[in-house]
Amino acid sequence: MEVLAGGFERGEDGLTVAKRELLEETGYASDEWQYIGATVENSAKLTNYMHLYFANHCRKVSEQHFDPTEELDILVAPLKQAVEMVMNNEICYNSSAHGILWAARKLGV
């Protein structure tokens, strides 16, 4: 299990990608975004960075619109539950855990 992710198209910046992926994969949008930072999934094997963004006060604005190769199940969970999922190794992708724990600290959860 992991949080939303997506790739850059030519000329896009990270915030544009984050907004697009949130909308496409969940149908949610936000007007409050904060850049968390960059992280690496596996520095021994990969050279790419995952750029993490925090979207606050999200609201449902449309249906999901998956890419033809995507098949996703969306789980909407309270942040406290997401932290427990990280701590129980149910969410174990480094970038996902990083973002969830950052949000928990930021929001005092």
N, C-alpha and C. Protein backbone atom coordinates (compact mmCIF):
# COMPACT_ATOMS: atom_id res chain seq x y z
N MET A 1 0.84 -1.16 0.00
CA MET A 1 0.00 0.00 0.00
C MET A 1 0.90 1.23 0.00
N GLU A 2 0.47 2.23 -0.77
CA GLU A 2 1.25 3.47 -0.85
C GLU A 2 0.34 4.66 -1.09
N VAL A 3 0.87 5.85 -0.86
CA VAL A 3 0.13 7.06 -1.16
C VAL A 3 0.22 7.33 -2.66
N LEU A 4 -0.52 8.30 -3.13
CA LEU A 4 -0.55 8.62 -4.56
C LEU A 4 0.83 8.92 -5.10
N ALA A 5 1.03 8.58 -6.35
CA ALA A 5 2.31 8.86 -7.01
C ALA A 5 2.06 9.01 -8.50
N GLY A 6 2.98 9.69 -9.16
CA GLY A 6 2.87 9.85 -10.59
C GLY A 6 4.15 10.38 -11.17
N GLY A 7 4.27 10.25 -12.47
CA GLY A 7 5.48 10.68 -13.16
C GLY A 7 5.32 12.06 -13.78
N PHE A 8 6.46 12.68 -14.01
CA PHE A 8 6.52 14.00 -14.63
C PHE A 8 6.36 13.87 -16.14
N GLU A 9 5.59 14.77 -16.72
CA GLU A 9 5.56 14.93 -18.16
C GLU A 9 6.58 16.03 -18.49
N ARG A 10 7.05 16.08 -19.70
CA ARG A 10 8.06 17.07 -20.09
C ARG A 10 7.58 18.49 -19.75
N GLY A 11 8.44 19.22 -19.03
CA GLY A 11 8.16 20.61 -18.70
C GLY A 11 7.32 20.83 -17.46
N GLU A 12 6.85 19.76 -16.81
CA GLU A 12 6.01 19.93 -15.62
C GLU A 12 6.85 20.13 -14.36
N ASP A 13 6.28 20.85 -13.41
CA ASP A 13 6.90 20.97 -12.11
C ASP A 13 6.18 20.02 -11.15
N GLY A 14 6.80 19.78 -10.00
CA GLY A 14 6.27 18.80 -9.06
C GLY A 14 4.88 19.10 -8.55
N LEU A 15 4.57 20.36 -8.29
CA LEU A 15 3.25 20.70 -7.78
C LEU A 15 2.17 20.41 -8.83
N THR A 16 2.46 20.67 -10.08
CA THR A 16 1.52 20.36 -11.15
C THR A 16 1.24 18.86 -11.19
N VAL A 17 2.28 18.06 -11.07
CA VAL A 17 2.14 16.60 -11.06
C VAL A 17 1.30 16.16 -9.86
N ALA A 18 1.60 16.70 -8.69
CA ALA A 18 0.88 16.31 -7.47
C ALA A 18 -0.60 16.64 -7.59
N LYS A 19 -0.94 17.82 -8.08
CA LYS A 19 -2.34 18.20 -8.24
C LYS A 19 -3.05 17.30 -9.24
N ARG A 20 -2.39 17.02 -10.36
CA ARG A 20 -2.98 16.17 -11.39
C ARG A 20 -3.24 14.77 -10.86
N GLU A 21 -2.25 14.18 -10.16
CA GLU A 21 -2.40 12.82 -9.67
C GLU A 21 -3.48 12.71 -8.59
N LEU A 22 -3.55 13.70 -7.70
CA LEU A 22 -4.61 13.69 -6.69
C LEU A 22 -5.98 13.69 -7.37
N LEU A 23 -6.16 14.56 -8.34
CA LEU A 23 -7.45 14.66 -9.02
C LEU A 23 -7.76 13.39 -9.83
N GLU A 24 -6.80 12.92 -10.63
CA GLU A 24 -7.03 11.74 -11.48
C GLU A 24 -7.30 10.49 -10.65
N GLU A 25 -6.49 10.26 -9.64
CA GLU A 25 -6.56 8.99 -8.92
C GLU A 25 -7.64 8.95 -7.84
N THR A 26 -8.06 10.12 -7.35
CA THR A 26 -9.04 10.12 -6.26
C THR A 26 -10.29 10.94 -6.55
N GLY A 27 -10.20 11.91 -7.46
CA GLY A 27 -11.30 12.84 -7.68
C GLY A 27 -11.30 13.98 -6.68
N TYR A 28 -10.25 14.08 -5.85
CA TYR A 28 -10.15 15.13 -4.84
C TYR A 28 -9.24 16.26 -5.33
N ALA A 29 -9.44 17.45 -4.78
CA ALA A 29 -8.60 18.61 -5.07
C ALA A 29 -8.36 19.37 -3.77
N SER A 30 -7.36 20.23 -3.79
CA SER A 30 -7.03 21.05 -2.63
C SER A 30 -6.50 22.41 -3.10
N ASP A 31 -6.75 23.43 -2.29
CA ASP A 31 -6.18 24.75 -2.55
C ASP A 31 -5.01 25.04 -1.63
N GLU A 32 -4.68 24.10 -0.73
CA GLU A 32 -3.62 24.29 0.25
C GLU A 32 -2.55 23.21 0.08
N TRP A 33 -1.45 23.57 -0.54
CA TRP A 33 -0.38 22.63 -0.81
C TRP A 33 0.91 23.10 -0.14
N GLN A 34 1.69 22.13 0.31
CA GLN A 34 3.01 22.44 0.88
C GLN A 34 4.00 21.39 0.40
N TYR A 35 5.15 21.85 -0.04
CA TYR A 35 6.22 20.93 -0.45
C TYR A 35 6.89 20.37 0.79
N ILE A 36 6.93 19.05 0.90
CA ILE A 36 7.58 18.39 2.03
C ILE A 36 9.08 18.25 1.77
N GLY A 37 9.42 17.81 0.58
CA GLY A 37 10.82 17.60 0.23
C GLY A 37 10.97 16.39 -0.67
N ALA A 38 12.20 16.02 -0.94
CA ALA A 38 12.50 14.89 -1.81
C ALA A 38 13.04 13.73 -0.99
N THR A 39 12.73 12.53 -1.43
CA THR A 39 13.22 11.33 -0.76
C THR A 39 13.61 10.31 -1.82
N VAL A 40 14.38 9.32 -1.43
CA VAL A 40 14.83 8.27 -2.34
C VAL A 40 14.31 6.94 -1.82
N GLU A 41 13.72 6.15 -2.70
CA GLU A 41 13.20 4.84 -2.28
C GLU A 41 14.32 3.86 -1.93
N ASN A 42 15.36 3.82 -2.75
CA ASN A 42 16.45 2.87 -2.53
C ASN A 42 17.72 3.44 -3.15
N SER A 43 18.53 4.10 -2.37
CA SER A 43 19.71 4.80 -2.90
C SER A 43 20.76 3.85 -3.46
N ALA A 44 20.73 2.58 -3.09
CA ALA A 44 21.70 1.62 -3.62
C ALA A 44 21.36 1.20 -5.05
N LYS A 45 20.09 1.32 -5.44
CA LYS A 45 19.68 0.83 -6.76
C LYS A 45 19.04 1.88 -7.66
N LEU A 46 18.51 2.95 -7.07
CA LEU A 46 17.77 3.94 -7.85
C LEU A 46 18.42 5.31 -7.74
N THR A 47 18.27 6.11 -8.79
CA THR A 47 18.83 7.46 -8.76
C THR A 47 17.75 8.54 -8.80
N ASN A 48 16.48 8.14 -8.89
CA ASN A 48 15.42 9.13 -8.96
C ASN A 48 14.95 9.55 -7.57
N TYR A 49 14.38 10.73 -7.51
CA TYR A 49 13.84 11.26 -6.26
C TYR A 49 12.32 11.26 -6.32
N MET A 50 11.71 11.06 -5.18
CA MET A 50 10.27 11.19 -5.03
C MET A 50 10.05 12.55 -4.36
N HIS A 51 9.33 13.44 -5.02
CA HIS A 51 9.06 14.76 -4.47
C HIS A 51 7.71 14.70 -3.77
N LEU A 52 7.71 14.99 -2.48
CA LEU A 52 6.52 14.83 -1.65
C LEU A 52 5.82 16.16 -1.42
N TYR A 53 4.50 16.13 -1.55
CA TYR A 53 3.66 17.29 -1.31
C TYR A 53 2.55 16.93 -0.34
N PHE A 54 2.16 17.91 0.47
CA PHE A 54 1.06 17.76 1.42
C PHE A 54 -0.10 18.60 0.94
N ALA A 55 -1.26 17.97 0.75
CA ALA A 55 -2.48 18.67 0.36
C ALA A 55 -3.42 18.68 1.56
N ASN A 56 -3.77 19.86 2.04
CA ASN A 56 -4.64 19.98 3.21
C ASN A 56 -6.05 20.36 2.78
N HIS A 57 -7.03 19.97 3.58
CA HIS A 57 -8.44 20.29 3.34
C HIS A 57 -8.88 19.87 1.93
N CYS A 58 -8.66 18.63 1.58
CA CYS A 58 -9.06 18.11 0.28
C CYS A 58 -10.59 17.97 0.22
N ARG A 59 -11.11 18.12 -0.99
CA ARG A 59 -12.55 17.99 -1.19
C ARG A 59 -12.80 17.23 -2.49
N LYS A 60 -13.87 16.44 -2.50
CA LYS A 60 -14.23 15.65 -3.68
C LYS A 60 -14.83 16.58 -4.72
N VAL A 61 -14.25 16.58 -5.94
CA VAL A 61 -14.73 17.48 -6.99
C VAL A 61 -15.10 16.74 -8.28
N SER A 62 -14.70 15.47 -8.40
CA SER A 62 -15.01 14.72 -9.62
C SER A 62 -14.86 13.23 -9.35
N GLU A 63 -15.11 12.46 -10.36
CA GLU A 63 -14.87 11.02 -10.29
C GLU A 63 -13.40 10.76 -10.60
N GLN A 64 -12.95 9.54 -10.35
CA GLN A 64 -11.58 9.15 -10.67
C GLN A 64 -11.42 9.03 -12.18
N HIS A 65 -10.23 9.30 -12.67
CA HIS A 65 -9.90 9.17 -14.09
C HIS A 65 -8.54 8.50 -14.21
N PHE A 66 -8.54 7.17 -14.27
CA PHE A 66 -7.29 6.41 -14.31
C PHE A 66 -6.68 6.41 -15.70
N ASP A 67 -5.35 6.29 -15.73
CA ASP A 67 -4.66 6.03 -16.97
C ASP A 67 -5.02 4.61 -17.40
N PRO A 68 -4.90 4.29 -18.69
CA PRO A 68 -5.30 2.95 -19.16
C PRO A 68 -4.58 1.79 -18.45
N THR A 69 -3.38 2.02 -17.95
CA THR A 69 -2.62 0.95 -17.30
C THR A 69 -2.83 0.89 -15.79
N GLU A 70 -3.62 1.81 -15.23
CA GLU A 70 -3.80 1.87 -13.79
C GLU A 70 -5.01 1.06 -13.34
N GLU A 71 -4.82 0.38 -12.22
CA GLU A 71 -5.91 -0.30 -11.55
C GLU A 71 -5.68 -0.08 -10.06
N LEU A 72 -6.48 0.79 -9.46
CA LEU A 72 -6.23 1.22 -8.08
C LEU A 72 -7.47 1.01 -7.21
N ASP A 73 -7.23 0.69 -5.97
CA ASP A 73 -8.25 0.72 -4.94
C ASP A 73 -7.87 1.86 -4.01
N ILE A 74 -8.78 2.78 -3.78
CA ILE A 74 -8.51 3.94 -2.95
C ILE A 74 -9.02 3.68 -1.54
N LEU A 75 -8.17 3.95 -0.56
CA LEU A 75 -8.54 3.86 0.84
C LEU A 75 -8.40 5.25 1.43
N VAL A 76 -9.50 5.80 1.90
CA VAL A 76 -9.47 7.08 2.61
C VAL A 76 -9.47 6.74 4.09
N ALA A 77 -8.42 7.17 4.79
CA ALA A 77 -8.26 6.81 6.20
C ALA A 77 -7.87 8.05 7.00
N PRO A 78 -8.29 8.11 8.26
CA PRO A 78 -7.81 9.18 9.13
C PRO A 78 -6.29 9.11 9.26
N LEU A 79 -5.66 10.24 9.46
CA LEU A 79 -4.20 10.29 9.56
C LEU A 79 -3.68 9.39 10.67
N LYS A 80 -4.37 9.36 11.79
CA LYS A 80 -3.95 8.51 12.90
C LYS A 80 -3.89 7.04 12.47
N GLN A 81 -4.87 6.60 11.69
CA GLN A 81 -4.88 5.22 11.18
C GLN A 81 -3.73 5.00 10.20
N ALA A 82 -3.46 5.99 9.36
CA ALA A 82 -2.35 5.87 8.40
C ALA A 82 -1.02 5.73 9.14
N VAL A 83 -0.84 6.48 10.22
CA VAL A 83 0.39 6.37 11.02
C VAL A 83 0.49 4.95 11.59
N GLU A 84 -0.60 4.43 12.11
CA GLU A 84 -0.59 3.05 12.64
C GLU A 84 -0.24 2.05 11.54
N MET A 85 -0.73 2.29 10.34
CA MET A 85 -0.42 1.41 9.22
C MET A 85 1.07 1.45 8.90
N VAL A 86 1.69 2.63 8.99
CA VAL A 86 3.14 2.73 8.81
C VAL A 86 3.85 1.95 9.91
N MET A 87 3.44 2.17 11.15
CA MET A 87 4.10 1.53 12.28
C MET A 87 3.92 0.01 12.29
N ASN A 88 2.83 -0.49 11.67
CA ASN A 88 2.58 -1.93 11.57
C ASN A 88 3.11 -2.52 10.28
N ASN A 89 3.85 -1.72 9.51
CA ASN A 89 4.46 -2.14 8.24
C ASN A 89 3.43 -2.53 7.18
N GLU A 90 2.22 -2.00 7.30
CA GLU A 90 1.22 -2.18 6.25
C GLU A 90 1.47 -1.19 5.11
N ILE A 91 2.01 -0.04 5.45
CA ILE A 91 2.48 0.94 4.47
C ILE A 91 3.99 0.98 4.66
N CYS A 92 4.72 0.45 3.67
CA CYS A 92 6.16 0.32 3.86
C CYS A 92 7.00 0.95 2.75
N TYR A 93 6.37 1.63 1.79
CA TYR A 93 7.14 2.38 0.81
C TYR A 93 7.75 3.57 1.53
N ASN A 94 9.04 3.78 1.33
CA ASN A 94 9.73 4.86 2.05
C ASN A 94 9.08 6.22 1.86
N SER A 95 8.75 6.56 0.62
CA SER A 95 8.18 7.89 0.36
C SER A 95 6.80 8.02 0.99
N SER A 96 6.01 6.97 0.96
CA SER A 96 4.68 7.01 1.58
C SER A 96 4.80 7.19 3.09
N ALA A 97 5.65 6.38 3.72
CA ALA A 97 5.85 6.48 5.17
C ALA A 97 6.39 7.86 5.54
N HIS A 98 7.33 8.37 4.76
CA HIS A 98 7.91 9.68 5.00
C HIS A 98 6.81 10.75 5.00
N GLY A 99 5.98 10.76 3.97
CA GLY A 99 4.93 11.76 3.86
C GLY A 99 3.90 11.66 4.97
N ILE A 100 3.50 10.45 5.32
CA ILE A 100 2.50 10.25 6.38
C ILE A 100 3.06 10.71 7.72
N LEU A 101 4.27 10.33 8.04
CA LEU A 101 4.85 10.72 9.32
C LEU A 101 5.12 12.22 9.38
N TRP A 102 5.50 12.82 8.26
CA TRP A 102 5.70 14.27 8.21
C TRP A 102 4.37 14.97 8.50
N ALA A 103 3.29 14.53 7.83
CA ALA A 103 1.97 15.14 8.04
C ALA A 103 1.51 14.99 9.47
N ALA A 104 1.75 13.82 10.05
CA ALA A 104 1.35 13.59 11.44
C ALA A 104 2.06 14.54 12.38
N ARG A 105 3.36 14.73 12.18
CA ARG A 105 4.12 15.65 13.03
C ARG A 105 3.63 17.08 12.81
N LYS A 106 3.42 17.46 11.56
CA LYS A 106 2.98 18.81 11.21
C LYS A 106 1.63 19.13 11.86
N LEU A 107 0.73 18.14 11.87
CA LEU A 107 -0.63 18.35 12.38
C LEU A 107 -0.79 17.96 13.84
N GLY A 108 0.29 17.48 14.45
CA GLY A 108 0.23 17.13 15.86
C GLY A 108 -0.58 15.88 16.16
N VAL A 109 -0.58 14.94 15.22
CA VAL A 109 -1.33 13.69 15.42
C VAL A 109 -0.45 12.67 16.10
